[in-house]
N, C-alpha and C. Protein backbone atom coordinates (compact mmCIF):
# COMPACT_ATOMS: atom_id res chain seq x y z
N TRP A 1 7.56 -10.05 -9.32
CA TRP A 1 6.94 -10.24 -8.01
C TRP A 1 5.63 -11.00 -8.13
N SER A 2 4.93 -10.83 -9.25
CA SER A 2 3.65 -11.52 -9.39
C SER A 2 3.84 -13.03 -9.49
N VAL A 3 4.91 -13.48 -10.11
CA VAL A 3 5.19 -14.91 -10.19
C VAL A 3 5.42 -15.47 -8.78
N LEU A 4 6.19 -14.76 -7.98
CA LEU A 4 6.42 -15.19 -6.60
C LEU A 4 5.14 -15.13 -5.78
N ALA A 5 4.29 -14.14 -6.05
CA ALA A 5 3.01 -14.03 -5.34
C ALA A 5 2.12 -15.23 -5.63
N GLU A 6 2.13 -15.70 -6.86
CA GLU A 6 1.34 -16.88 -7.20
C GLU A 6 1.91 -18.13 -6.53
N ARG A 7 3.20 -18.18 -6.38
CA ARG A 7 3.84 -19.35 -5.78
C ARG A 7 3.75 -19.34 -4.25
N TYR A 8 4.02 -18.18 -3.63
CA TYR A 8 4.12 -18.12 -2.17
C TYR A 8 2.95 -17.40 -1.51
N GLY A 9 2.13 -16.73 -2.29
CA GLY A 9 0.97 -16.03 -1.74
C GLY A 9 1.12 -14.53 -1.83
N ARG A 10 0.00 -13.86 -1.98
CA ARG A 10 -0.01 -12.40 -2.09
C ARG A 10 0.35 -11.73 -0.77
N LYS A 11 -0.08 -12.33 0.33
CA LYS A 11 0.21 -11.76 1.63
C LYS A 11 1.71 -11.65 1.87
N VAL A 12 2.43 -12.70 1.58
CA VAL A 12 3.88 -12.71 1.79
C VAL A 12 4.55 -11.63 0.93
N MET A 13 4.10 -11.49 -0.29
CA MET A 13 4.70 -10.49 -1.19
C MET A 13 4.36 -9.07 -0.72
N LEU A 14 3.15 -8.87 -0.23
CA LEU A 14 2.80 -7.55 0.30
C LEU A 14 3.59 -7.25 1.57
N GLN A 15 3.77 -8.25 2.41
CA GLN A 15 4.59 -8.08 3.60
C GLN A 15 6.04 -7.77 3.23
N ARG A 16 6.57 -8.47 2.23
CA ARG A 16 7.93 -8.22 1.77
C ARG A 16 8.07 -6.78 1.30
N SER A 17 7.10 -6.33 0.55
CA SER A 17 7.13 -4.99 0.01
C SER A 17 7.06 -3.94 1.13
N LEU A 18 6.16 -4.15 2.08
CA LEU A 18 6.04 -3.21 3.20
C LEU A 18 7.29 -3.21 4.06
N ALA A 19 7.87 -4.38 4.30
CA ALA A 19 9.11 -4.45 5.08
C ALA A 19 10.23 -3.71 4.37
N ALA A 20 10.29 -3.83 3.06
CA ALA A 20 11.30 -3.09 2.30
C ALA A 20 11.12 -1.59 2.48
N PHE A 21 9.88 -1.13 2.43
CA PHE A 21 9.63 0.30 2.65
C PHE A 21 10.09 0.73 4.04
N VAL A 22 9.79 -0.07 5.05
CA VAL A 22 10.18 0.28 6.43
C VAL A 22 11.69 0.47 6.51
N VAL A 23 12.44 -0.50 6.03
CA VAL A 23 13.90 -0.47 6.14
C VAL A 23 14.50 0.64 5.27
N LEU A 24 14.08 0.71 4.02
CA LEU A 24 14.69 1.67 3.09
C LEU A 24 14.38 3.11 3.45
N ILE A 25 13.21 3.37 3.97
CA ILE A 25 12.88 4.75 4.36
C ILE A 25 13.65 5.16 5.61
N VAL A 26 13.85 4.24 6.55
CA VAL A 26 14.69 4.55 7.71
C VAL A 26 16.11 4.87 7.24
N LEU A 27 16.62 4.08 6.30
CA LEU A 27 17.97 4.32 5.80
C LEU A 27 18.10 5.69 5.13
N MET A 28 17.02 6.19 4.54
CA MET A 28 17.05 7.51 3.90
C MET A 28 17.34 8.62 4.91
N ALA A 29 17.00 8.41 6.15
CA ALA A 29 17.27 9.43 7.17
C ALA A 29 18.76 9.61 7.41
N PHE A 30 19.55 8.63 7.00
CA PHE A 30 20.98 8.65 7.30
C PHE A 30 21.87 8.90 6.08
N VAL A 31 21.29 9.21 4.94
CA VAL A 31 22.12 9.43 3.75
C VAL A 31 23.02 10.65 3.94
N THR A 32 24.19 10.56 3.34
CA THR A 32 25.13 11.68 3.44
C THR A 32 25.45 12.28 2.08
N ASN A 33 24.97 11.63 1.00
CA ASN A 33 25.19 12.21 -0.32
C ASN A 33 24.07 11.77 -1.27
N ILE A 34 24.04 12.39 -2.41
CA ILE A 34 22.99 12.16 -3.39
C ILE A 34 23.02 10.73 -3.93
N TYR A 35 24.18 10.13 -4.03
CA TYR A 35 24.29 8.78 -4.57
C TYR A 35 23.62 7.75 -3.66
N GLN A 36 23.78 7.93 -2.37
CA GLN A 36 23.11 7.05 -1.43
C GLN A 36 21.59 7.19 -1.54
N LEU A 37 21.13 8.41 -1.67
CA LEU A 37 19.69 8.66 -1.80
C LEU A 37 19.14 8.04 -3.09
N VAL A 38 19.84 8.22 -4.18
CA VAL A 38 19.42 7.63 -5.45
C VAL A 38 19.40 6.10 -5.35
N ALA A 39 20.40 5.53 -4.72
CA ALA A 39 20.44 4.07 -4.56
C ALA A 39 19.25 3.57 -3.74
N LEU A 40 18.92 4.29 -2.68
CA LEU A 40 17.78 3.88 -1.86
C LEU A 40 16.46 4.04 -2.61
N ARG A 41 16.32 5.11 -3.38
CA ARG A 41 15.10 5.29 -4.19
C ARG A 41 14.99 4.19 -5.25
N LEU A 42 16.11 3.80 -5.84
CA LEU A 42 16.10 2.69 -6.79
C LEU A 42 15.71 1.39 -6.10
N ALA A 43 16.20 1.19 -4.89
CA ALA A 43 15.86 -0.01 -4.13
C ALA A 43 14.36 -0.04 -3.81
N ILE A 44 13.78 1.11 -3.51
CA ILE A 44 12.33 1.16 -3.28
C ILE A 44 11.59 0.77 -4.56
N GLY A 45 12.07 1.25 -5.68
CA GLY A 45 11.46 0.86 -6.95
C GLY A 45 11.58 -0.62 -7.23
N LEU A 46 12.71 -1.20 -6.87
CA LEU A 46 12.95 -2.61 -7.12
C LEU A 46 12.19 -3.50 -6.14
N PHE A 47 12.21 -3.17 -4.87
CA PHE A 47 11.63 -4.03 -3.84
C PHE A 47 10.24 -3.62 -3.39
N GLY A 48 9.78 -2.47 -3.86
CA GLY A 48 8.46 -1.97 -3.46
C GLY A 48 7.35 -2.79 -4.08
N GLY A 49 6.55 -2.18 -4.90
CA GLY A 49 5.47 -2.89 -5.56
C GLY A 49 4.20 -2.98 -4.75
N VAL A 50 4.04 -2.12 -3.76
CA VAL A 50 2.85 -2.16 -2.93
C VAL A 50 1.59 -1.89 -3.75
N ALA A 51 1.65 -0.93 -4.64
CA ALA A 51 0.46 -0.57 -5.42
C ALA A 51 -0.02 -1.74 -6.27
N ALA A 52 0.88 -2.38 -6.97
CA ALA A 52 0.50 -3.51 -7.82
C ALA A 52 -0.03 -4.68 -7.00
N MET A 53 0.62 -4.98 -5.88
CA MET A 53 0.17 -6.08 -5.03
C MET A 53 -1.19 -5.76 -4.41
N SER A 54 -1.43 -4.49 -4.09
CA SER A 54 -2.71 -4.10 -3.50
C SER A 54 -3.85 -4.29 -4.49
N VAL A 55 -3.62 -3.94 -5.73
CA VAL A 55 -4.65 -4.13 -6.76
C VAL A 55 -4.92 -5.62 -6.94
N ALA A 56 -3.86 -6.43 -6.96
CA ALA A 56 -4.04 -7.87 -7.10
C ALA A 56 -4.81 -8.44 -5.91
N LEU A 57 -4.49 -7.97 -4.73
CA LEU A 57 -5.16 -8.44 -3.52
C LEU A 57 -6.63 -8.03 -3.53
N ALA A 58 -6.90 -6.79 -3.90
CA ALA A 58 -8.29 -6.30 -3.94
C ALA A 58 -9.10 -7.09 -4.95
N SER A 59 -8.51 -7.40 -6.08
CA SER A 59 -9.25 -8.15 -7.10
C SER A 59 -9.52 -9.58 -6.66
N THR A 60 -8.74 -10.08 -5.72
CA THR A 60 -8.94 -11.43 -5.22
C THR A 60 -9.96 -11.49 -4.09
N ILE A 61 -9.94 -10.51 -3.19
CA ILE A 61 -10.82 -10.58 -2.03
C ILE A 61 -12.22 -10.05 -2.31
N ALA A 62 -12.39 -9.26 -3.34
CA ALA A 62 -13.72 -8.72 -3.66
C ALA A 62 -14.56 -9.81 -4.33
N PRO A 63 -15.86 -9.77 -4.09
CA PRO A 63 -16.74 -10.70 -4.83
C PRO A 63 -16.57 -10.48 -6.33
N ARG A 64 -16.70 -11.52 -7.10
CA ARG A 64 -16.44 -11.48 -8.54
C ARG A 64 -17.19 -10.35 -9.25
N ASN A 65 -18.41 -10.10 -8.87
CA ASN A 65 -19.20 -9.07 -9.55
C ASN A 65 -18.85 -7.66 -9.08
N GLN A 66 -17.93 -7.53 -8.14
CA GLN A 66 -17.55 -6.22 -7.64
C GLN A 66 -16.06 -5.94 -7.79
N VAL A 67 -15.36 -6.76 -8.54
CA VAL A 67 -13.91 -6.61 -8.70
C VAL A 67 -13.56 -5.26 -9.32
N GLY A 68 -14.27 -4.86 -10.37
CA GLY A 68 -13.97 -3.58 -11.02
C GLY A 68 -14.11 -2.41 -10.07
N GLU A 69 -15.15 -2.43 -9.28
CA GLU A 69 -15.37 -1.36 -8.32
C GLU A 69 -14.31 -1.38 -7.22
N ALA A 70 -13.94 -2.56 -6.77
CA ALA A 70 -12.91 -2.67 -5.73
C ALA A 70 -11.57 -2.13 -6.23
N VAL A 71 -11.20 -2.50 -7.45
CA VAL A 71 -9.94 -2.02 -8.02
C VAL A 71 -10.01 -0.50 -8.22
N GLY A 72 -11.16 -0.01 -8.65
CA GLY A 72 -11.34 1.44 -8.80
C GLY A 72 -11.17 2.17 -7.48
N LEU A 73 -11.69 1.60 -6.41
CA LEU A 73 -11.55 2.21 -5.09
C LEU A 73 -10.08 2.20 -4.64
N ILE A 74 -9.38 1.12 -4.93
CA ILE A 74 -7.94 1.06 -4.61
C ILE A 74 -7.20 2.16 -5.36
N GLN A 75 -7.48 2.28 -6.64
CA GLN A 75 -6.78 3.29 -7.44
C GLN A 75 -7.16 4.71 -7.00
N ALA A 76 -8.40 4.92 -6.61
CA ALA A 76 -8.80 6.23 -6.10
C ALA A 76 -8.05 6.56 -4.82
N THR A 77 -7.85 5.55 -3.98
CA THR A 77 -7.08 5.74 -2.75
C THR A 77 -5.64 6.11 -3.07
N GLN A 78 -5.08 5.44 -4.05
CA GLN A 78 -3.70 5.75 -4.45
C GLN A 78 -3.60 7.18 -4.96
N LEU A 79 -4.55 7.60 -5.77
CA LEU A 79 -4.53 8.97 -6.28
C LEU A 79 -4.74 9.99 -5.17
N ALA A 80 -5.64 9.71 -4.24
CA ALA A 80 -5.90 10.63 -3.13
C ALA A 80 -4.64 10.84 -2.29
N SER A 81 -3.89 9.76 -2.07
CA SER A 81 -2.66 9.91 -1.29
C SER A 81 -1.64 10.74 -2.04
N GLY A 82 -1.60 10.61 -3.36
CA GLY A 82 -0.68 11.42 -4.16
C GLY A 82 -1.06 12.89 -4.15
N ILE A 83 -2.33 13.18 -4.01
CA ILE A 83 -2.79 14.57 -3.93
C ILE A 83 -2.49 15.16 -2.56
N ALA A 84 -2.73 14.40 -1.51
CA ALA A 84 -2.55 14.90 -0.15
C ALA A 84 -1.09 14.93 0.28
N ALA A 85 -0.28 14.05 -0.26
CA ALA A 85 1.09 13.87 0.23
C ALA A 85 1.97 15.10 0.15
N PRO A 86 2.04 15.82 -0.96
CA PRO A 86 2.96 16.97 -0.99
C PRO A 86 2.61 18.03 0.05
N PHE A 87 1.34 18.31 0.20
CA PHE A 87 0.94 19.33 1.18
C PHE A 87 1.20 18.85 2.61
N LEU A 88 0.67 17.69 2.95
CA LEU A 88 0.83 17.20 4.32
C LEU A 88 2.27 16.83 4.63
N GLY A 89 3.01 16.33 3.62
CA GLY A 89 4.42 16.04 3.83
C GLY A 89 5.20 17.29 4.19
N GLY A 90 4.88 18.41 3.54
CA GLY A 90 5.53 19.67 3.87
C GLY A 90 5.22 20.13 5.29
N VAL A 91 3.97 19.96 5.69
CA VAL A 91 3.57 20.31 7.06
C VAL A 91 4.33 19.45 8.07
N ILE A 92 4.43 18.16 7.79
CA ILE A 92 5.13 17.25 8.70
C ILE A 92 6.62 17.59 8.80
N VAL A 93 7.24 17.89 7.67
CA VAL A 93 8.67 18.25 7.70
C VAL A 93 8.87 19.56 8.46
N ASP A 94 7.99 20.53 8.25
CA ASP A 94 8.10 21.79 9.00
C ASP A 94 7.93 21.57 10.50
N ALA A 95 7.03 20.67 10.87
CA ALA A 95 6.75 20.44 12.28
C ALA A 95 7.83 19.60 12.96
N PHE A 96 8.36 18.59 12.27
CA PHE A 96 9.26 17.64 12.93
C PHE A 96 10.67 17.63 12.39
N GLY A 97 10.89 18.19 11.23
CA GLY A 97 12.20 18.15 10.60
C GLY A 97 12.27 17.03 9.58
N LEU A 98 13.18 17.17 8.62
CA LEU A 98 13.26 16.21 7.52
C LEU A 98 13.68 14.82 8.00
N LYS A 99 14.72 14.76 8.83
CA LYS A 99 15.21 13.46 9.29
C LYS A 99 14.14 12.72 10.09
N GLN A 100 13.45 13.40 10.97
CA GLN A 100 12.41 12.77 11.78
C GLN A 100 11.22 12.33 10.92
N SER A 101 10.97 13.05 9.82
CA SER A 101 9.85 12.66 8.96
C SER A 101 10.11 11.31 8.30
N PHE A 102 11.36 10.97 8.06
CA PHE A 102 11.67 9.64 7.53
C PHE A 102 11.33 8.57 8.56
N PHE A 103 11.62 8.83 9.82
CA PHE A 103 11.28 7.87 10.87
C PHE A 103 9.76 7.73 11.01
N LEU A 104 9.06 8.85 10.94
CA LEU A 104 7.60 8.82 11.01
C LEU A 104 7.03 8.03 9.83
N ALA A 105 7.55 8.29 8.65
CA ALA A 105 7.09 7.58 7.45
C ALA A 105 7.33 6.09 7.57
N SER A 106 8.49 5.72 8.07
CA SER A 106 8.80 4.31 8.26
C SER A 106 7.86 3.68 9.28
N ALA A 107 7.54 4.41 10.33
CA ALA A 107 6.61 3.90 11.34
C ALA A 107 5.23 3.68 10.74
N LEU A 108 4.79 4.58 9.87
CA LEU A 108 3.49 4.41 9.22
C LEU A 108 3.49 3.16 8.32
N CYS A 109 4.61 2.93 7.65
CA CYS A 109 4.72 1.72 6.83
C CYS A 109 4.70 0.47 7.71
N ALA A 110 5.31 0.56 8.88
CA ALA A 110 5.30 -0.57 9.82
C ALA A 110 3.87 -0.84 10.30
N VAL A 111 3.09 0.21 10.52
CA VAL A 111 1.69 0.04 10.91
C VAL A 111 0.93 -0.68 9.80
N ALA A 112 1.16 -0.29 8.56
CA ALA A 112 0.51 -0.97 7.43
C ALA A 112 0.90 -2.44 7.39
N PHE A 113 2.18 -2.74 7.67
CA PHE A 113 2.65 -4.12 7.72
C PHE A 113 1.89 -4.91 8.79
N VAL A 114 1.73 -4.31 9.96
CA VAL A 114 1.01 -4.99 11.06
C VAL A 114 -0.45 -5.21 10.68
N ILE A 115 -1.08 -4.22 10.06
CA ILE A 115 -2.48 -4.37 9.64
C ILE A 115 -2.63 -5.54 8.70
N ILE A 116 -1.78 -5.62 7.69
CA ILE A 116 -1.85 -6.72 6.73
C ILE A 116 -1.56 -8.05 7.42
N THR A 117 -0.56 -8.07 8.28
CA THR A 117 -0.17 -9.31 8.96
C THR A 117 -1.29 -9.85 9.84
N LEU A 118 -1.94 -8.97 10.58
CA LEU A 118 -2.96 -9.42 11.53
C LEU A 118 -4.34 -9.61 10.93
N SER A 119 -4.65 -8.89 9.87
CA SER A 119 -6.05 -8.92 9.41
C SER A 119 -6.29 -9.70 8.14
N TYR A 120 -5.27 -10.17 7.49
CA TYR A 120 -5.45 -10.87 6.23
C TYR A 120 -5.02 -12.32 6.36
N ARG A 121 -5.92 -13.22 6.01
CA ARG A 121 -5.64 -14.65 6.02
C ARG A 121 -5.74 -15.16 4.58
N GLU A 122 -4.66 -15.66 4.08
CA GLU A 122 -4.60 -16.10 2.68
C GLU A 122 -5.62 -17.19 2.37
N ASP A 123 -5.74 -18.20 3.25
CA ASP A 123 -6.67 -19.29 2.96
C ASP A 123 -8.13 -18.84 3.05
N GLN A 124 -8.46 -17.91 3.93
CA GLN A 124 -9.82 -17.37 4.00
C GLN A 124 -10.14 -16.61 2.74
N GLU A 125 -9.16 -15.90 2.23
CA GLU A 125 -9.35 -15.11 1.01
C GLU A 125 -9.74 -16.01 -0.15
N ARG A 126 -9.12 -17.17 -0.26
CA ARG A 126 -9.46 -18.09 -1.35
C ARG A 126 -10.90 -18.57 -1.22
N GLY A 127 -11.33 -18.82 0.02
CA GLY A 127 -12.71 -19.23 0.24
C GLY A 127 -13.69 -18.14 -0.16
N ARG A 128 -13.37 -16.91 0.16
CA ARG A 128 -14.25 -15.80 -0.22
C ARG A 128 -14.26 -15.62 -1.72
N ALA A 129 -13.11 -15.78 -2.34
CA ALA A 129 -13.07 -15.63 -3.80
C ALA A 129 -13.95 -16.68 -4.46
N THR A 130 -13.94 -17.89 -3.94
CA THR A 130 -14.80 -18.94 -4.48
C THR A 130 -16.26 -18.62 -4.24
N ALA A 131 -16.59 -18.17 -3.03
CA ALA A 131 -17.98 -17.82 -2.73
C ALA A 131 -18.43 -16.66 -3.61
N GLY A 132 -17.53 -15.71 -3.84
CA GLY A 132 -17.88 -14.58 -4.70
C GLY A 132 -18.15 -15.03 -6.13
N ALA A 133 -17.39 -16.00 -6.60
CA ALA A 133 -17.59 -16.50 -7.96
C ALA A 133 -18.94 -17.19 -8.07
N ALA A 134 -19.32 -17.94 -7.03
CA ALA A 134 -20.62 -18.61 -7.06
C ALA A 134 -21.74 -17.59 -7.01
N GLY A 135 -21.54 -16.54 -6.24
CA GLY A 135 -22.56 -15.50 -6.12
C GLY A 135 -22.70 -14.69 -7.40
N ALA A 136 -21.70 -14.73 -8.26
CA ALA A 136 -21.74 -13.93 -9.48
C ALA A 136 -22.75 -14.47 -10.48
N THR A 137 -23.15 -15.72 -10.31
CA THR A 137 -24.14 -16.27 -11.25
C THR A 137 -25.53 -15.74 -10.94
N LYS A 138 -25.73 -15.22 -9.76
CA LYS A 138 -27.02 -14.63 -9.41
C LYS A 138 -27.11 -13.25 -10.03
N LYS A 139 -28.15 -12.51 -9.63
CA LYS A 139 -28.35 -11.16 -10.14
C LYS A 139 -27.12 -10.31 -9.82
N LYS A 140 -26.61 -9.63 -10.82
CA LYS A 140 -25.42 -8.80 -10.66
C LYS A 140 -25.83 -7.48 -10.03
N GLU A 141 -25.27 -7.20 -8.85
CA GLU A 141 -25.59 -5.96 -8.14
C GLU A 141 -24.37 -5.07 -8.08
N ARG A 142 -24.65 -3.80 -8.06
CA ARG A 142 -23.57 -2.82 -7.89
C ARG A 142 -23.30 -2.69 -6.40
N GLY A 143 -22.04 -2.85 -6.01
CA GLY A 143 -21.68 -2.73 -4.61
C GLY A 143 -21.57 -1.27 -4.20
N SER A 144 -21.90 -1.01 -2.99
CA SER A 144 -21.76 0.34 -2.46
C SER A 144 -20.46 0.42 -1.67
N LEU A 145 -20.06 1.63 -1.36
CA LEU A 145 -18.86 1.80 -0.54
C LEU A 145 -19.03 1.07 0.78
N ARG A 146 -20.21 1.12 1.33
CA ARG A 146 -20.49 0.45 2.60
C ARG A 146 -20.25 -1.06 2.48
N SER A 147 -20.62 -1.66 1.34
CA SER A 147 -20.42 -3.11 1.19
C SER A 147 -18.93 -3.45 1.16
N TYR A 148 -18.11 -2.59 0.61
CA TYR A 148 -16.67 -2.84 0.59
C TYR A 148 -16.09 -2.67 1.99
N LEU A 149 -16.61 -1.73 2.75
CA LEU A 149 -16.09 -1.49 4.08
C LEU A 149 -16.40 -2.65 5.03
N HIS A 150 -17.36 -3.50 4.66
CA HIS A 150 -17.68 -4.68 5.46
C HIS A 150 -16.81 -5.88 5.09
N LEU A 151 -16.09 -5.79 3.97
CA LEU A 151 -15.21 -6.89 3.60
C LEU A 151 -14.02 -6.91 4.55
N PRO A 152 -13.73 -8.07 5.12
CA PRO A 152 -12.54 -8.13 5.99
C PRO A 152 -11.31 -7.71 5.20
N ILE A 153 -10.43 -7.01 5.81
CA ILE A 153 -9.15 -6.53 5.29
C ILE A 153 -9.26 -5.32 4.38
N PHE A 154 -10.41 -5.06 3.77
CA PHE A 154 -10.47 -4.02 2.75
C PHE A 154 -10.14 -2.64 3.33
N VAL A 155 -10.67 -2.34 4.50
CA VAL A 155 -10.37 -1.04 5.12
C VAL A 155 -8.89 -0.98 5.47
N GLY A 156 -8.36 -2.06 6.02
CA GLY A 156 -6.93 -2.11 6.31
C GLY A 156 -6.09 -1.96 5.06
N LEU A 157 -6.55 -2.57 3.98
CA LEU A 157 -5.86 -2.45 2.70
C LEU A 157 -5.87 -1.01 2.22
N LEU A 158 -7.01 -0.34 2.33
CA LEU A 158 -7.09 1.07 1.93
C LEU A 158 -6.17 1.94 2.78
N VAL A 159 -6.17 1.71 4.08
CA VAL A 159 -5.30 2.48 4.97
C VAL A 159 -3.84 2.22 4.63
N GLY A 160 -3.51 0.96 4.41
CA GLY A 160 -2.13 0.62 4.06
C GLY A 160 -1.70 1.25 2.75
N ILE A 161 -2.55 1.19 1.75
CA ILE A 161 -2.22 1.78 0.44
C ILE A 161 -2.06 3.28 0.57
N PHE A 162 -3.01 3.92 1.24
CA PHE A 162 -2.92 5.36 1.40
C PHE A 162 -1.62 5.72 2.10
N THR A 163 -1.29 4.99 3.15
CA THR A 163 -0.08 5.27 3.92
C THR A 163 1.18 5.13 3.07
N ILE A 164 1.29 4.03 2.36
CA ILE A 164 2.49 3.79 1.55
C ILE A 164 2.61 4.82 0.44
N GLN A 165 1.52 5.07 -0.26
CA GLN A 165 1.56 6.05 -1.35
C GLN A 165 1.82 7.45 -0.79
N PHE A 166 1.22 7.74 0.36
CA PHE A 166 1.44 9.03 1.00
C PHE A 166 2.92 9.21 1.33
N VAL A 167 3.48 8.21 1.96
CA VAL A 167 4.90 8.26 2.34
C VAL A 167 5.78 8.41 1.10
N ASP A 168 5.52 7.59 0.10
CA ASP A 168 6.34 7.61 -1.10
C ASP A 168 6.25 8.95 -1.83
N ARG A 169 5.07 9.50 -1.93
CA ARG A 169 4.90 10.74 -2.69
C ARG A 169 5.17 12.01 -1.89
N SER A 170 5.16 11.92 -0.57
CA SER A 170 5.39 13.13 0.22
C SER A 170 6.85 13.57 0.19
N PHE A 171 7.76 12.63 -0.05
CA PHE A 171 9.17 13.00 -0.09
C PHE A 171 9.59 13.57 -1.44
N GLY A 172 8.84 13.28 -2.49
CA GLY A 172 9.20 13.76 -3.81
C GLY A 172 9.45 15.25 -3.89
N PRO A 173 8.51 16.09 -3.44
CA PRO A 173 8.73 17.53 -3.50
C PRO A 173 9.81 18.03 -2.53
N LEU A 174 10.10 17.24 -1.49
CA LEU A 174 11.03 17.70 -0.46
C LEU A 174 12.47 17.29 -0.74
N LEU A 175 12.66 16.23 -1.51
CA LEU A 175 14.01 15.74 -1.74
C LEU A 175 14.92 16.77 -2.39
N PRO A 176 14.45 17.58 -3.35
CA PRO A 176 15.34 18.61 -3.89
C PRO A 176 15.84 19.60 -2.83
N LEU A 177 14.99 19.88 -1.84
CA LEU A 177 15.42 20.78 -0.77
C LEU A 177 16.50 20.13 0.08
N TYR A 178 16.39 18.83 0.28
CA TYR A 178 17.35 18.08 1.07
C TYR A 178 18.68 17.98 0.36
N ILE A 179 18.60 17.79 -0.96
CA ILE A 179 19.81 17.63 -1.76
C ILE A 179 20.55 18.95 -1.83
């Protein structure tokens, strides 16, 4: 996927990945046997890649001297969603039912798709990356969380990552009950 991202752009690859999550998670609501579920989980593994694309995107849009911190924040978001997902996923399934939780999860992935589609411009990102590289020759400053929250797309990226990871990890503990 990274080769295609370099050729066609990171945005397109992230959109592809999010669209795959939307479709595959909806299909999970309709499985009738374990083989269908395994096939869909394998397809998510094959066509997903949101986490890797998000790290690549964060490293591109952050100023050069703040790339490490930006990637760290992305990874912290991914871990936080993995911690929250089993508990909140169980609450959601209890409240709405297992089948409906797949539809809700797919809707959240669709929201992440819309956020990325509307708030991220590939050509603007390249301009910022260049400006960040020029700024890196000046005094190296440590960025604060507030400075990242002012970067266009970064908040949307965090929300999207949290949502996708949350959705992906919330079904893990519940799938054995479904099976």
